C-alpha atoms as a PDB file:
ATOM      1  CA  MET A   1      41.873 -24.764 -19.279  1.00  0.00           C
ATOM      2  CA  GLY A   2      38.712 -26.135 -17.719  1.00  0.00           C
ATOM      3  CA  LEU A   3      38.346 -23.116 -15.428  1.00  0.00           C
ATOM      4  CA  SER A   4      38.905 -20.720 -18.333  1.00  0.00           C
ATOM      5  CA  SER A   5      36.225 -22.455 -20.392  1.00  0.00           C
ATOM      6  CA  LEU A   6      33.844 -22.374 -17.445  1.00  0.00           C
ATOM      7  CA  LEU A   7      34.360 -18.643 -16.963  1.00  0.00           C
ATOM      8  CA  ARG A   8      33.805 -18.011 -20.683  1.00  0.00           C
ATOM      9  CA  ASN A   9      30.544 -19.938 -20.612  1.00  0.00           C
ATOM     10  CA  ALA A  10      29.433 -18.123 -17.452  1.00  0.00           C
ATOM     11  CA  THR A  11      30.145 -14.756 -19.079  1.00  0.00           C
ATOM     12  CA  LYS A  12      28.224 -15.812 -22.171  1.00  0.00           C
ATOM     13  CA  ILE A  13      25.058 -16.808 -20.298  1.00  0.00           C
ATOM     14  CA  ALA A  14      25.201 -14.012 -17.690  1.00  0.00           C
ATOM     15  CA  PRO A  15      22.987 -11.552 -19.684  1.00  0.00           C
ATOM     16  CA  HIS A  16      20.382 -14.270 -20.308  1.00  0.00           C
ATOM     17  CA  ALA A  17      20.384 -15.421 -16.678  1.00  0.00           C
ATOM     18  CA  SER A  18      20.180 -11.878 -15.262  1.00  0.00           C
ATOM     19  CA  LEU A  19      17.211 -10.908 -17.447  1.00  0.00           C
ATOM     20  CA  ILE A  20      15.394 -14.146 -16.603  1.00  0.00           C
ATOM     21  CA  PHE A  21      16.023 -13.509 -12.897  1.00  0.00           C
ATOM     22  CA  GLY A  22      14.782  -9.949 -13.368  1.00  0.00           C
ATOM     23  CA  GLN A  23      11.513 -11.255 -14.811  1.00  0.00           C
ATOM     24  CA  VAL A  24      11.145 -13.629 -11.834  1.00  0.00           C
ATOM     25  CA  ILE A  25      11.541 -10.624  -9.504  1.00  0.00           C
ATOM     26  CA  THR A  26       8.931  -8.659 -11.461  1.00  0.00           C
ATOM     27  CA  ALA A  27       6.486 -11.584 -11.437  1.00  0.00           C
ATOM     28  CA  SER A  28       6.940 -12.005  -7.660  1.00  0.00           C
ATOM     29  CA  TYR A  29       6.265  -8.300  -7.165  1.00  0.00           C
ATOM     30  CA  ILE A  30       3.079  -8.504  -9.248  1.00  0.00           C
ATOM     31  CA  ILE A  31       1.821 -11.523  -7.304  1.00  0.00           C
ATOM     32  CA  LEU A  32       2.499  -9.831  -3.970  1.00  0.00           C
ATOM     33  CA  SER A  33       0.751  -6.691  -5.205  1.00  0.00           C
ATOM     34  CA  LYS A  34      -2.310  -8.796  -6.038  1.00  0.00           C
ATOM     35  CA  VAL A  35      -2.383 -10.191  -2.513  1.00  0.00           C
ATOM     36  CA  ILE A  36      -1.771  -6.802  -0.883  1.00  0.00           C
ATOM     37  CA  LEU A  37      -4.237  -4.314  -2.317  1.00  0.00           C
ATOM     38  CA  VAL A  38      -2.839  -1.046  -1.097  1.00  0.00           C
ATOM     39  CA  LYS A  39      -5.568   0.958   0.672  1.00  0.00           C
ATOM     40  CA  GLY A  40      -5.259   4.547   1.843  1.00  0.00           C
ATOM     41  CA  ILE A  41      -1.991   5.231   0.001  1.00  0.00           C
ATOM     42  CA  SER A  42      -1.886   6.577  -3.542  1.00  0.00           C
ATOM     43  CA  SER A  43       0.022   4.812  -6.294  1.00  0.00           C
ATOM     44  CA  THR A  44       2.258   7.881  -6.720  1.00  0.00           C
ATOM     45  CA  VAL A  45       3.245   7.910  -3.037  1.00  0.00           C
ATOM     46  CA  PHE A  46       3.777   4.157  -3.129  1.00  0.00           C
ATOM     47  CA  LEU A  47       6.185   4.627  -6.064  1.00  0.00           C
ATOM     48  CA  ILE A  48       8.076   7.341  -4.187  1.00  0.00           C
ATOM     49  CA  TYR A  49       8.787   4.968  -1.301  1.00  0.00           C
ATOM     50  CA  GLN A  50       9.990   2.349  -3.772  1.00  0.00           C
ATOM     51  CA  PHE A  51      12.190   4.845  -5.627  1.00  0.00           C
ATOM     52  CA  ILE A  52      13.786   6.042  -2.374  1.00  0.00           C
ATOM     53  CA  LEU A  53      14.620   2.466  -1.402  1.00  0.00           C
ATOM     54  CA  ALA A  54      15.917   1.714  -4.918  1.00  0.00           C
ATOM     55  CA  THR A  55      18.170   4.797  -4.742  1.00  0.00           C
ATOM     56  CA  LEU A  56      19.682   3.785  -1.398  1.00  0.00           C
ATOM     57  CA  PHE A  57      20.058   0.114  -2.340  1.00  0.00           C
ATOM     58  CA  MET A  58      21.751   0.768  -5.691  1.00  0.00           C
ATOM     59  CA  ALA A  59      23.932   3.554  -4.229  1.00  0.00           C
ATOM     60  CA  ALA A  60      25.229   1.093  -1.631  1.00  0.00           C
ATOM     61  CA  LEU A  61      26.066  -1.436  -4.349  1.00  0.00           C
ATOM     62  CA  ALA A  62      27.739   1.271  -6.433  1.00  0.00           C
ATOM     63  CA  LEU A  63      29.839   2.318  -3.442  1.00  0.00           C
ATOM     64  CA  ILE A  64      31.019  -1.270  -2.980  1.00  0.00           C
ATOM     65  CA  PHE A  65      31.603  -2.370  -6.574  1.00  0.00           C
ATOM     66  CA  GLU A  66      32.226   0.820  -8.588  1.00  0.00           C
ATOM     67  CA  ARG A  67      34.093   3.053  -6.168  1.00  0.00           C
ATOM     68  CA  LYS A  68      37.459   2.618  -7.927  1.00  0.00           C
ATOM     69  CA  LYS A  69      36.287   2.359 -11.541  1.00  0.00           C
ATOM     70  CA  ARG A  70      33.510   4.967 -11.666  1.00  0.00           C
ATOM     71  CA  PRO A  71      34.068   7.472 -14.519  1.00  0.00           C
ATOM     72  CA  PRO A  72      33.803  11.175 -13.662  1.00  0.00           C
ATOM     73  CA  LEU A  73      30.359  12.738 -13.982  1.00  0.00           C
ATOM     74  CA  ASP A  74      29.796  15.792 -16.142  1.00  0.00           C
ATOM     75  CA  LYS A  75      26.769  17.945 -16.928  1.00  0.00           C
ATOM     76  CA  ASP A  76      25.983  16.106 -20.161  1.00  0.00           C
ATOM     77  CA  ILE A  77      25.848  12.708 -18.442  1.00  0.00           C
ATOM     78  CA  LEU A  78      23.717  14.079 -15.594  1.00  0.00           C
ATOM     79  CA  CYS A  79      21.289  15.564 -18.128  1.00  0.00           C
ATOM     80  CA  TRP A  80      21.021  12.223 -19.945  1.00  0.00           C
ATOM     81  CA  ILE A  81      20.468  10.337 -16.674  1.00  0.00           C
ATOM     82  CA  PHE A  82      17.823  12.894 -15.681  1.00  0.00           C
ATOM     83  CA  LEU A  83      16.115  12.293 -19.034  1.00  0.00           C
ATOM     84  CA  LEU A  84      16.341   8.502 -18.568  1.00  0.00           C
ATOM     85  CA  ALA A  85      14.659   8.880 -15.177  1.00  0.00           C
ATOM     86  CA  LEU A  86      11.926  11.095 -16.605  1.00  0.00           C
ATOM     87  CA  VAL A  87      11.119   8.818 -19.559  1.00  0.00           C
ATOM     88  CA  GLY A  88      11.685   5.291 -18.256  1.00  0.00           C
ATOM     89  CA  VAL A  89      10.872   5.602 -14.556  1.00  0.00           C
ATOM     90  CA  THR A  90       8.749   8.647 -13.717  1.00  0.00           C
ATOM     91  CA  LEU A  91       6.583   8.748 -16.833  1.00  0.00           C
ATOM     92  CA  ALA A  92       6.400   5.016 -17.559  1.00  0.00           C
ATOM     93  CA  GLN A  93       5.784   3.738 -14.017  1.00  0.00           C
ATOM     94  CA  ASN A  94       3.368   6.504 -13.019  1.00  0.00           C
ATOM     95  CA  MET A  95       1.353   5.951 -16.190  1.00  0.00           C
ATOM     96  CA  LEU A  96       1.215   2.170 -15.701  1.00  0.00           C
ATOM     97  CA  ALA A  97       0.363   2.427 -12.003  1.00  0.00           C
ATOM     98  CA  GLY A  98      -2.228   5.158 -12.512  1.00  0.00           C
ATOM     99  CA  ALA A  99      -3.889   3.315 -15.380  1.00  0.00           C
ATOM    100  CA  LEU A 100      -5.145   0.618 -12.988  1.00  0.00           C
ATOM    101  CA  TYR A 101      -7.539   3.165 -11.470  1.00  0.00           C
ATOM    102  CA  PHE A 102      -9.286   3.427 -14.842  1.00  0.00           C
ATOM    103  CA  THR A 103      -9.066  -0.014 -16.387  1.00  0.00           C
ATOM    104  CA  SER A 104      -8.335  -3.648 -15.573  1.00  0.00           C
ATOM    105  CA  SER A 105      -4.926  -5.253 -15.167  1.00  0.00           C
ATOM    106  CA  THR A 106      -5.927  -7.646 -17.969  1.00  0.00           C
ATOM    107  CA  LEU A 107      -5.996  -4.829 -20.516  1.00  0.00           C
ATOM    108  CA  GLU A 108      -2.734  -3.455 -19.156  1.00  0.00           C
ATOM    109  CA  SER A 109      -1.074  -6.864 -19.436  1.00  0.00           C
ATOM    110  CA  SER A 110      -2.140  -7.197 -23.070  1.00  0.00           C
ATOM    111  CA  VAL A 111      -0.517  -3.886 -24.008  1.00  0.00           C
ATOM    112  CA  LEU A 112       2.620  -4.593 -21.939  1.00  0.00           C
ATOM    113  CA  ASN A 113       3.172  -7.686 -24.063  1.00  0.00           C
ATOM    114  CA  MET A 114       3.753  -5.401 -27.038  1.00  0.00           C
ATOM    115  CA  ILE A 115       7.025  -4.069 -25.550  1.00  0.00           C
ATOM    116  CA  PRO A 116       9.251  -6.348 -27.717  1.00  0.00           C
ATOM    117  CA  ALA A 117       7.445  -5.370 -30.923  1.00  0.00           C
ATOM    118  CA  ILE A 118       7.425  -1.639 -30.103  1.00  0.00           C
ATOM    119  CA  THR A 119      11.096  -1.711 -29.070  1.00  0.00           C
ATOM    120  CA  PHE A 120      11.978  -3.580 -32.272  1.00  0.00           C
ATOM    121  CA  ILE A 121      10.157  -0.988 -34.406  1.00  0.00           C
ATOM    122  CA  LEU A 122      11.748   1.953 -32.573  1.00  0.00           C
ATOM    123  CA  SER A 123      15.196   0.343 -32.849  1.00  0.00           C
ATOM    124  CA  LEU A 124      14.751   0.015 -36.616  1.00  0.00           C
ATOM    125  CA  ILE A 125      13.691   3.671 -36.869  1.00  0.00           C
ATOM    126  CA  SER A 126      16.722   4.788 -34.829  1.00  0.00           C
ATOM    127  CA  ARG A 127      18.985   2.354 -36.732  1.00  0.00           C
ATOM    128  CA  GLN A 128      20.165   0.677 -33.546  1.00  0.00           C
ATOM    129  CA  GLU A 129      18.940  -2.622 -34.968  1.00  0.00           C
ATOM    130  CA  GLN A 130      19.352  -3.925 -38.513  1.00  0.00           C
ATOM    131  CA  LEU A 131      16.366  -5.600 -40.162  1.00  0.00           C
ATOM    132  CA  ASP A 132      18.360  -7.817 -42.552  1.00  0.00           C
ATOM    133  CA  ILE A 133      15.142  -9.245 -43.992  1.00  0.00           C
ATOM    134  CA  HIS A 134      17.123 -10.988 -46.740  1.00  0.00           C
ATOM    135  CA  THR A 135      19.087 -13.067 -44.236  1.00  0.00           C
ATOM    136  CA  TRP A 136      17.718 -16.089 -42.385  1.00  0.00           C
ATOM    137  CA  TRP A 137      18.690 -14.634 -38.998  1.00  0.00           C
ATOM    138  CA  GLY A 138      16.829 -11.406 -39.810  1.00  0.00           C
ATOM    139  CA  LYS A 139      13.708 -13.392 -40.601  1.00  0.00           C
ATOM    140  CA  GLY A 140      14.291 -15.492 -37.465  1.00  0.00           C
ATOM    141  CA  LYS A 141      14.369 -12.377 -35.239  1.00  0.00           C
ATOM    142  CA  ILE A 142      11.112 -11.086 -36.697  1.00  0.00           C
ATOM    143  CA  LEU A 143       9.382 -14.466 -36.522  1.00  0.00           C
ATOM    144  CA  GLY A 144      10.661 -15.148 -33.004  1.00  0.00           C
ATOM    145  CA  THR A 145       9.397 -11.760 -31.785  1.00  0.00           C
ATOM    146  CA  LEU A 146       5.974 -12.341 -33.338  1.00  0.00           C
ATOM    147  CA  ILE A 147       5.672 -15.863 -31.880  1.00  0.00           C
ATOM    148  CA  SER A 148       6.724 -14.689 -28.415  1.00  0.00           C
ATOM    149  CA  VAL A 149       4.293 -11.746 -28.402  1.00  0.00           C
ATOM    150  CA  SER A 150       1.503 -13.983 -29.750  1.00  0.00           C
ATOM    151  CA  GLY A 151       2.207 -16.509 -26.993  1.00  0.00           C
ATOM    152  CA  ALA A 152       2.017 -13.802 -24.336  1.00  0.00           C
ATOM    153  CA  LEU A 153      -1.297 -12.559 -25.750  1.00  0.00           C
ATOM    154  CA  THR A 154      -2.621 -16.141 -25.871  1.00  0.00           C
ATOM    155  CA  LEU A 155      -1.565 -16.692 -22.265  1.00  0.00           C
ATOM    156  CA  MET A 156      -3.152 -13.436 -21.131  1.00  0.00           C
ATOM    157  CA  LEU A 157      -6.450 -13.755 -23.029  1.00  0.00           C
ATOM    158  CA  TRP A 158      -7.016 -17.368 -21.970  1.00  0.00           C
ATOM    159  CA  ARG A 159      -6.666 -16.645 -18.277  1.00  0.00           C
ATOM    160  CA  ARG A 160      -9.701 -15.848 -16.152  1.00  0.00           C
ATOM    161  CA  SER A 161      -8.788 -12.496 -14.676  1.00  0.00           C
ATOM    162  CA  THR A 162     -10.332 -11.472 -11.352  1.00  0.00           C
ATOM    163  CA  ASP A 163      -7.840  -8.815 -10.289  1.00  0.00           C
ATOM    164  CA  HIS A 164      -9.768  -5.677 -11.256  1.00  0.00           C
ATOM    165  CA  LEU A 165      -9.150  -2.549  -9.233  1.00  0.00           C
ATOM    166  CA  MET A 166     -12.308  -0.992 -10.672  1.00  0.00           C
ATOM    167  CA  MET A 167     -15.282  -3.177 -11.472  1.00  0.00           C
ATOM    168  CA  SER A 168     -17.102  -2.607 -14.776  1.00  0.00           C
ATOM    169  CA  PRO A 169     -15.252   0.557 -15.827  1.00  0.00           C
ATOM    170  CA  SER A 170     -17.071   2.849 -18.199  1.00  0.00           C
ATOM    171  CA  PHE A 171     -16.030   3.264 -21.825  1.00  0.00           C
ATOM    172  CA  ARG A 172     -14.506   6.651 -21.003  1.00  0.00           C
ATOM    173  CA  ASP A 173     -12.473   5.183 -18.140  1.00  0.00           C
ATOM    174  CA  ARG A 174     -11.266   2.297 -20.329  1.00  0.00           C
ATOM    175  CA  MET A 175     -10.097   4.748 -22.993  1.00  0.00           C
ATOM    176  CA  ILE A 176      -8.266   6.875 -20.415  1.00  0.00           C
ATOM    177  CA  GLY A 177      -6.636   3.768 -18.953  1.00  0.00           C
ATOM    178  CA  LEU A 178      -5.696   2.435 -22.384  1.00  0.00           C
ATOM    179  CA  LEU A 179      -4.115   5.762 -23.357  1.00  0.00           C
ATOM    180  CA  MET A 180      -2.096   5.821 -20.117  1.00  0.00           C
ATOM    181  CA  VAL A 181      -0.881   2.246 -20.677  1.00  0.00           C
ATOM    182  CA  ILE A 182       0.132   3.007 -24.279  1.00  0.00           C
ATOM    183  CA  ILE A 183       2.078   6.085 -23.128  1.00  0.00           C
ATOM    184  CA  GLY A 184       3.745   3.999 -20.423  1.00  0.00           C
ATOM    185  CA  VAL A 185       4.738   1.199 -22.809  1.00  0.00           C
ATOM    186  CA  ILE A 186       6.106   3.570 -25.463  1.00  0.00           C
ATOM    187  CA  SER A 187       8.055   5.429 -22.755  1.00  0.00           C
ATOM    188  CA  PHE A 188       9.495   2.177 -21.399  1.00  0.00           C
ATOM    189  CA  SER A 189      10.482   1.019 -24.914  1.00  0.00           C
ATOM    190  CA  ALA A 190      12.105   4.382 -25.657  1.00  0.00           C
ATOM    191  CA  TRP A 191      13.964   4.159 -22.320  1.00  0.00           C
ATOM    192  CA  ILE A 192      15.398   0.752 -23.250  1.00  0.00           C
ATOM    193  CA  LEU A 193      16.614   2.249 -26.534  1.00  0.00           C
ATOM    194  CA  MET A 194      18.219   5.223 -24.774  1.00  0.00           C
ATOM    195  CA  LEU A 195      20.168   3.050 -22.335  1.00  0.00           C
ATOM    196  CA  GLU A 196      22.721   1.614 -24.764  1.00  0.00           C
ATOM    197  CA  PRO A 197      24.283   4.889 -26.005  1.00  0.00           C
ATOM    198  CA  VAL A 198      24.275   6.419 -22.512  1.00  0.00           C
ATOM    199  CA  ILE A 199      26.016   3.397 -20.990  1.00  0.00           C
ATOM    200  CA  ARG A 200      28.663   3.503 -23.731  1.00  0.00           C
ATOM    201  CA  ARG A 201      29.395   7.057 -22.610  1.00  0.00           C
ATOM    202  CA  TYR A 202      29.178   6.289 -18.872  1.00  0.00           C
ATOM    203  CA  PRO A 203      29.895   2.565 -18.233  1.00  0.00           C
ATOM    204  CA  ALA A 204      28.974   2.490 -14.530  1.00  0.00           C
ATOM    205  CA  GLU A 205      25.537   0.898 -14.479  1.00  0.00           C
ATOM    206  CA  LEU A 206      25.123   0.729 -10.690  1.00  0.00           C
ATOM    207  CA  THR A 207      25.920   4.408 -10.225  1.00  0.00           C
ATOM    208  CA  MET A 208      23.759   5.363 -13.179  1.00  0.00           C
ATOM    209  CA  THR A 209      20.805   3.354 -11.818  1.00  0.00           C
ATOM    210  CA  SER A 210      21.069   4.922  -8.364  1.00  0.00           C
ATOM    211  CA  LEU A 211      21.206   8.437  -9.868  1.00  0.00           C
ATOM    212  CA  MET A 212      18.305   7.606 -12.156  1.00  0.00           C
ATOM    213  CA  PHE A 213      16.073   6.634  -9.230  1.00  0.00           C
ATOM    214  CA  PHE A 214      17.248   9.656  -7.232  1.00  0.00           C
ATOM    215  CA  PHE A 215      16.042  11.905 -10.058  1.00  0.00           C
ATOM    216  CA  ALA A 216      12.855   9.825 -10.405  1.00  0.00           C
ATOM    217  CA  THR A 217      12.173  10.340  -6.681  1.00  0.00           C
ATOM    218  CA  LEU A 218      12.419  14.120  -7.102  1.00  0.00           C
ATOM    219  CA  GLN A 219      10.301  14.097 -10.253  1.00  0.00           C
ATOM    220  CA  THR A 220       7.577  11.892  -8.767  1.00  0.00           C
ATOM    221  CA  SER A 221       7.574  13.961  -5.567  1.00  0.00           C
ATOM    222  CA  VAL A 222       6.441  16.945  -7.631  1.00  0.00           C
ATOM    223  CA  ILE A 223       3.527  14.866  -8.945  1.00  0.00           C
ATOM    224  CA  ALA A 224       2.681  13.624  -5.452  1.00  0.00           C
ATOM    225  CA  ALA A 225       2.751  17.165  -4.032  1.00  0.00           C
ATOM    226  CA  ILE A 226       0.052  18.087  -6.536  1.00  0.00           C
ATOM    227  CA  SER A 227      -2.101  14.934  -6.388  1.00  0.00           C
ATOM    228  CA  SER A 228      -1.695  13.608  -2.818  1.00  0.00           C
ATOM    229  CA  HIS A 229      -2.516  16.187  -0.148  1.00  0.00           C
ATOM    230  CA  ARG A 230      -3.981  14.045   2.653  1.00  0.00           C
ATOM    231  CA  ALA A 231      -1.638  12.695   5.319  1.00  0.00           C
ATOM    232  CA  THR A 232      -3.421   9.332   5.230  1.00  0.00           C
ATOM    233  CA  GLN A 233      -2.178   8.850   1.665  1.00  0.00           C
ATOM    234  CA  TRP A 234       1.406   8.843   2.973  1.00  0.00           C
ATOM    235  CA  GLN A 235       0.912   6.460   5.881  1.00  0.00           C
ATOM    236  CA  LEU A 236       2.475   2.995   5.644  1.00  0.00           C
ATOM    237  CA  LYS A 237       1.012  -0.120   7.210  1.00  0.00           C
ATOM    238  CA  TRP A 238       3.372  -2.272   9.298  1.00  0.00           C
ATOM    239  CA  ASP A 239       2.489  -5.488   7.511  1.00  0.00           C
ATOM    240  CA  LEU A 240       3.198  -7.137   4.158  1.00  0.00           C
ATOM    241  CA  GLU A 241       2.916  -3.703   2.566  1.00  0.00           C
ATOM    242  CA  LEU A 242       6.482  -3.015   3.740  1.00  0.00           C
ATOM    243  CA  LEU A 243       7.640  -6.270   2.152  1.00  0.00           C
ATOM    244  CA  ASN A 244       5.993  -5.187  -1.086  1.00  0.00           C
ATOM    245  CA  ILE A 245       7.847  -1.868  -0.950  1.00  0.00           C
ATOM    246  CA  PHE A 246      11.137  -3.703  -0.349  1.00  0.00           C
ATOM    247  CA  ILE A 247      10.613  -6.064  -3.290  1.00  0.00           C
ATOM    248  CA  GLY A 248       9.298  -3.263  -5.491  1.00  0.00           C
ATOM    249  CA  GLY A 249      12.077  -0.841  -4.520  1.00  0.00           C
ATOM    250  CA  ALA A 250      15.300  -2.753  -3.899  1.00  0.00           C
ATOM    251  CA  LEU A 251      14.637  -5.720  -6.186  1.00  0.00           C
ATOM    252  CA  ASN A 252      12.103  -4.820  -8.900  1.00  0.00           C
ATOM    253  CA  SER A 253      13.011  -1.152  -9.379  1.00  0.00           C
ATOM    254  CA  GLY A 254      16.662  -1.373  -8.333  1.00  0.00           C
ATOM    255  CA  LEU A 255      18.166  -4.736  -9.222  1.00  0.00           C
ATOM    256  CA  ALA A 256      15.892  -5.634 -12.153  1.00  0.00           C
ATOM    257  CA  ASN A 257      16.409  -2.219 -13.764  1.00  0.00           C
ATOM    258  CA  PHE A 258      20.160  -2.566 -13.284  1.00  0.00           C
ATOM    259  CA  PHE A 259      19.997  -5.885 -15.173  1.00  0.00           C
ATOM    260  CA  VAL A 260      18.106  -4.130 -17.978  1.00  0.00           C
ATOM    261  CA  ALA A 261      20.626  -1.276 -18.135  1.00  0.00           C
ATOM    262  CA  TRP A 262      23.642  -3.604 -18.060  1.00  0.00           C
ATOM    263  CA  CYS A 263      22.268  -5.931 -20.735  1.00  0.00           C
ATOM    264  CA  ALA A 264      21.095  -3.061 -22.942  1.00  0.00           C
ATOM    265  CA  GLY A 265      24.636  -1.701 -23.021  1.00  0.00           C
ATOM    266  CA  LEU A 266      26.064  -5.160 -23.616  1.00  0.00           C
ATOM    267  CA  LYS A 267      23.582  -6.792 -26.009  1.00  0.00           C
ATOM    268  CA  GLY A 268      21.307  -4.035 -27.294  1.00  0.00           C
ATOM    269  CA  PRO A 269      17.709  -2.911 -26.636  1.00  0.00           C
ATOM    270  CA  VAL A 270      15.851  -5.553 -28.660  1.00  0.00           C
ATOM    271  CA  PHE A 271      17.674  -8.346 -26.833  1.00  0.00           C
ATOM    272  CA  VAL A 272      16.450  -6.896 -23.520  1.00  0.00           C
ATOM    273  CA  ALA A 273      12.869  -6.353 -24.686  1.00  0.00           C
ATOM    274  CA  SER A 274      12.606  -9.917 -26.026  1.00  0.00           C
ATOM    275  CA  PHE A 275      12.584 -11.241 -22.426  1.00  0.00           C
ATOM    276  CA  SER A 276       9.552  -9.218 -21.280  1.00  0.00           C
ATOM    277  CA  PRO A 277       6.916 -11.873 -22.221  1.00  0.00           C
ATOM    278  CA  LEU A 278       8.606 -14.190 -19.703  1.00  0.00           C
ATOM    279  CA  GLY A 279       7.195 -11.943 -16.984  1.00  0.00           C
ATOM    280  CA  LEU A 280       3.651 -13.037 -17.805  1.00  0.00           C
ATOM    281  CA  LEU A 281       4.796 -16.668 -18.012  1.00  0.00           C
ATOM    282  CA  PHE A 282       6.370 -16.516 -14.531  1.00  0.00           C
ATOM    283  CA  THR A 283       3.330 -14.670 -13.176  1.00  0.00           C
ATOM    284  CA  THR A 284       1.096 -17.492 -14.404  1.00  0.00           C
ATOM    285  CA  VAL A 285       3.356 -20.113 -12.807  1.00  0.00           C
ATOM    286  CA  LEU A 286       3.430 -18.264  -9.466  1.00  0.00           C
ATOM    287  CA  ASP A 287      -0.341 -17.736  -9.685  1.00  0.00           C
ATOM    288  CA  THR A 288      -0.749 -21.489  -9.952  1.00  0.00           C
ATOM    289  CA  ILE A 289       1.684 -22.326  -7.144  1.00  0.00           C
ATOM    290  CA  PHE A 290       0.759 -19.700  -4.536  1.00  0.00           C
ATOM    291  CA  LEU A 291      -2.760 -18.527  -5.425  1.00  0.00           C
ATOM    292  CA  GLY A 292      -4.184 -21.870  -6.542  1.00  0.00           C
ATOM    293  CA  HIS A 293      -5.157 -20.827 -10.061  1.00  0.00           C
ATOM    294  CA  SER A 294      -5.793 -23.769 -12.371  1.00  0.00           C
ATOM    295  CA  ILE A 295      -3.554 -24.611 -15.330  1.00  0.00           C
ATOM    296  CA  GLU A 296      -5.516 -24.256 -18.556  1.00  0.00           C
ATOM    297  CA  THR A 297      -4.846 -25.323 -22.128  1.00  0.00           C
ATOM    298  CA  GLY A 298      -4.210 -21.715 -23.122  1.00  0.00           C
ATOM    299  CA  SER A 299      -1.619 -21.350 -20.375  1.00  0.00           C
ATOM    300  CA  VAL A 300       0.357 -24.332 -21.656  1.00  0.00           C
ATOM    301  CA  LEU A 301       0.035 -23.255 -25.310  1.00  0.00           C
ATOM    302  CA  GLY A 302       0.950 -19.622 -24.595  1.00  0.00           C
ATOM    303  CA  SER A 303       3.904 -20.613 -22.412  1.00  0.00           C
ATOM    304  CA  ALA A 304       5.266 -22.924 -25.115  1.00  0.00           C
ATOM    305  CA  MET A 305       4.942 -20.153 -27.724  1.00  0.00           C
ATOM    306  CA  ILE A 306       6.779 -17.663 -25.481  1.00  0.00           C
ATOM    307  CA  VAL A 307       9.684 -20.056 -24.923  1.00  0.00           C
ATOM    308  CA  LEU A 308       9.818 -21.070 -28.602  1.00  0.00           C
ATOM    309  CA  GLY A 309       9.707 -17.461 -29.821  1.00  0.00           C
ATOM    310  CA  LEU A 310      12.346 -16.327 -27.339  1.00  0.00           C
ATOM    311  CA  TYR A 311      14.662 -19.212 -28.269  1.00  0.00           C
ATOM    312  CA  MET A 312      14.207 -18.459 -31.990  1.00  0.00           C
ATOM    313  CA  PHE A 313      15.000 -14.773 -31.478  1.00  0.00           C
ATOM    314  CA  LEU A 314      18.060 -15.418 -29.275  1.00  0.00           C
ATOM    315  CA  TYR A 315      19.437 -18.067 -31.631  1.00  0.00           C
ATOM    316  CA  SER A 316      19.026 -15.739 -34.627  1.00  0.00           C
ATOM    317  CA  LYS A 317      20.562 -12.847 -32.684  1.00  0.00           C
ATOM    318  CA  ALA A 318      23.583 -14.963 -31.702  1.00  0.00           C
ATOM    319  CA  LYS A 319      24.176 -15.982 -35.328  1.00  0.00           C
ATOM    320  CA  GLU A 320      23.848 -12.355 -36.444  1.00  0.00           C
ATOM    321  CA  GLU A 321      26.425 -11.241 -33.865  1.00  0.00           C
ATOM    322  CA  ALA A 322      28.819 -13.983 -34.936  1.00  0.00           C
ATOM    323  CA  LYS A 323      28.444 -12.911 -38.560  1.00  0.00           C
ATOM    324  CA  GLN A 324      28.950  -9.211 -37.802  1.00  0.00           C
ATOM    325  CA  LEU A 325      31.841  -9.647 -35.353  1.00  0.00           C
ATOM    326  CA  PRO A 326      34.513  -8.692 -37.936  1.00  0.00           C
ATOM    327  CA  ASP A 327      32.562  -5.510 -38.725  1.00  0.00           C
ATOM    328  CA  ALA A 328      32.371  -4.559 -35.062  1.00  0.00           C
ATOM    329  CA  ALA A 329      36.166  -4.555 -34.841  1.00  0.00           C
ATOM    330  CA  ASP A 330      36.445  -1.585 -37.220  1.00  0.00           C
ATOM    331  CA  GLY A 331      33.627   0.339 -35.489  1.00  0.00           C
ATOM    332  CA  SER A 332      31.116   0.083 -38.316  1.00  0.00           C
ATOM    333  CA  LEU A 333      28.364  -1.035 -35.939  1.00  0.00           C
ATOM    334  CA  ALA A 334      28.638   1.915 -33.564  1.00  0.00           C
ATOM    335  CA  SER A 335      25.322   3.577 -32.791  1.00  0.00           C
ATOM    336  CA  PRO A 336      24.752   6.916 -34.590  1.00  0.00           C
ATOM    337  CA  PHE A 337      22.917   8.166 -31.500  1.00  0.00           C
ATOM    338  CA  ILE A 338      25.706   8.072 -28.898  1.00  0.00           C
ATOM    339  CA  PRO A 339      25.330  11.325 -26.941  1.00  0.00           C
END
């Protein structure tokens, strides 16, 4: 009885723990990228190396854990996975990486913090999420999202940013960078929304993730063939740059994206997006521990708002799921957008 209860509790907290761990991985990757400013290699080529490693890493895991339970692939599923790769990996990550050549990481961070709000709006439009404004849990989800996003913005704006890749960018460059970041964030939010119906059709997240990064490698290679002609842009340095590629490929691109895909199929897109402000919180903590940045009042206030908003959203979401559980049994909550 005790073991059964323990397993139930572990299953219940597994989505929360995996997404939190995914944000820790992402924060570690960002910190390492700040320390290792990649010189002589383009951002597109750097992404290709990460995508190749993510493909191999996730394919190995899929071979171990999904070999006997992998559903058969058909043309429709391959087309949907190709589209997932194009929207959520190739377009989103190339836009976000390329934007740093035109604007500061501070501006990019501020727009990235809008992922929960944008995902929530898109989920309402696609009817994958119910607003339920007349219920207390509906109001709690909205308020929790707003508090969490506000906390992330407070944390970002209060910090003294020195990690500019281009000093004093012109107004034109800032507008180009802002447009690229907005496209990247909308693409990433749309990708989170697309995951749930695809995973319902093909419930093999490890295999799907490896195929997604395989397609992303091919797609990004086309971009690199056009934009990166010099051999020096493809040369790797035998130093911490390789460690950055490993963390960015196997862990940040591979494992963290698998956590997102698995949780999106299990708990829905808004649940996944609600954890994204934690990335900035963990980045601030790691900045303080490893880079010696001071803890400011805004950091403490913003961090508290992120945690409070996330707790409010998750508590309201849990109560909503408990209330709608009888409806789920008769299929009334099925997504109208299952491919």
